Protein backbone atom coordinates (compact mmCIF):
# COMPACT_ATOMS: atom_id res chain seq x y z
CA MET A 1 111.67 82.83 87.38
CA THR A 2 110.88 82.07 83.77
CA ARG A 3 108.05 79.93 82.43
CA SER A 4 110.42 77.03 81.74
CA GLU A 5 111.88 77.25 85.27
CA LEU A 6 108.34 77.14 86.68
CA ILE A 7 107.57 74.04 84.61
CA GLU A 8 110.78 72.37 85.83
CA LYS A 9 109.97 73.10 89.49
CA ILE A 10 106.46 71.69 89.12
CA ALA A 11 107.90 68.60 87.40
CA LYS A 12 110.36 68.01 90.25
CA LYS A 13 107.58 68.20 92.85
CA ASN A 14 105.20 66.05 90.78
CA PRO A 15 107.19 63.23 89.16
CA ASN A 16 103.96 61.42 88.24
CA LEU A 17 103.05 64.17 85.73
CA LEU A 18 104.55 64.27 82.24
CA LEU A 19 106.47 67.37 81.21
CA GLY A 20 104.07 67.99 78.32
CA GLU A 21 101.06 67.89 80.66
CA ILE A 22 102.66 70.39 83.03
CA GLU A 23 103.49 72.69 80.13
CA ARG A 24 99.86 72.58 78.92
CA ILE A 25 98.59 73.31 82.44
CA VAL A 26 100.89 76.33 82.82
CA ASN A 27 99.89 77.60 79.35
CA VAL A 28 96.18 77.25 80.19
CA ILE A 29 96.66 79.19 83.44
CA PHE A 30 98.51 82.03 81.74
CA SER A 31 96.12 82.21 78.78
CA SER A 32 93.13 82.24 81.17
CA MET A 33 94.71 85.08 83.14
CA THR A 34 95.40 87.01 79.93
CA ALA A 35 91.82 86.53 78.69
CA ALA A 36 90.36 87.63 82.03
CA LEU A 37 92.49 90.78 82.10
CA ALA A 38 91.60 91.54 78.47
CA ARG A 39 87.90 91.41 79.48
CA GLY A 40 88.63 93.84 82.32
CA ASP A 41 88.25 91.24 85.08
CA ARG A 42 90.48 90.96 88.16
CA VAL A 43 92.69 87.92 88.67
CA GLU A 44 93.17 87.13 92.35
CA PHE A 45 95.44 84.57 93.98
CA ARG A 46 94.79 84.56 97.72
CA GLY A 47 97.97 85.20 99.68
CA PHE A 48 99.89 86.10 96.51
CA GLY A 49 98.17 89.15 95.04
CA VAL A 50 95.69 90.65 92.61
CA PHE A 51 96.19 91.57 88.96
CA SER A 52 93.83 94.24 87.61
CA ILE A 53 93.60 96.69 84.73
CA HIS A 54 94.02 100.42 85.31
CA GLN A 55 93.49 103.06 82.67
CA ARG A 56 96.26 105.58 82.16
CA SER A 57 95.03 109.03 81.12
CA PRO A 58 96.11 110.64 77.87
CA ARG A 59 99.07 112.95 78.33
CA ILE A 60 101.62 115.06 76.57
CA ALA A 61 105.17 113.72 76.73
CA GLN A 62 108.45 115.09 75.48
CA ASN A 63 110.81 113.29 73.14
CA PRO A 64 114.13 113.35 75.06
CA ARG A 65 116.24 113.35 71.92
CA THR A 66 114.54 116.17 69.98
CA GLY A 67 112.59 117.95 72.74
CA THR A 68 109.37 117.94 70.69
CA LYS A 69 106.05 117.42 72.45
CA VAL A 70 104.20 114.19 71.66
CA GLN A 71 100.55 113.36 72.41
CA ILE A 72 100.13 109.93 74.02
CA GLY A 73 96.61 108.51 74.09
CA SER A 74 94.95 106.73 76.98
CA ARG A 75 95.91 103.11 77.48
CA ASN A 76 95.22 100.20 79.77
CA ILE A 77 98.01 98.87 81.98
CA VAL A 78 98.24 95.83 84.23
CA HIS A 79 98.46 96.66 87.92
CA PHE A 80 99.60 94.17 90.58
CA LYS A 81 98.80 94.55 94.26
CA VAL A 82 100.77 92.21 96.49
CA GLY A 83 98.82 89.97 98.89
CA LYS A 84 99.20 90.11 102.66
CA GLU A 85 100.99 86.75 103.04
CA LEU A 86 103.49 87.50 100.27
CA HIS A 87 104.10 90.99 101.65
CA GLU A 88 104.76 89.61 105.12
CA SER A 89 107.10 86.88 103.84
CA LEU A 90 109.10 89.43 101.85
CA ASN A 91 109.40 91.80 104.80
CA GLU A 92 110.07 89.53 107.76
CA LYS A 93 113.28 90.23 109.62
């Protein structure tokens, strides 16, 4: 699902809201999540999952084209852990 598809779905379920208002709400949510992760905070949506930052250690990689060794520094990555309700809904049979 893309951002525009999300906005369209919210608009269909809430016909009393203007499209521009919904777009601003979605943008505020995403920018707040981005700012929280940039500060190193966790972002948790109960039943959906948790976004957090993990630090990847520096390592030596190999360029597949030339075979030369390349030093890659440490970096932060976003980690997502699925929530219990989402996990159960994805795995019910």
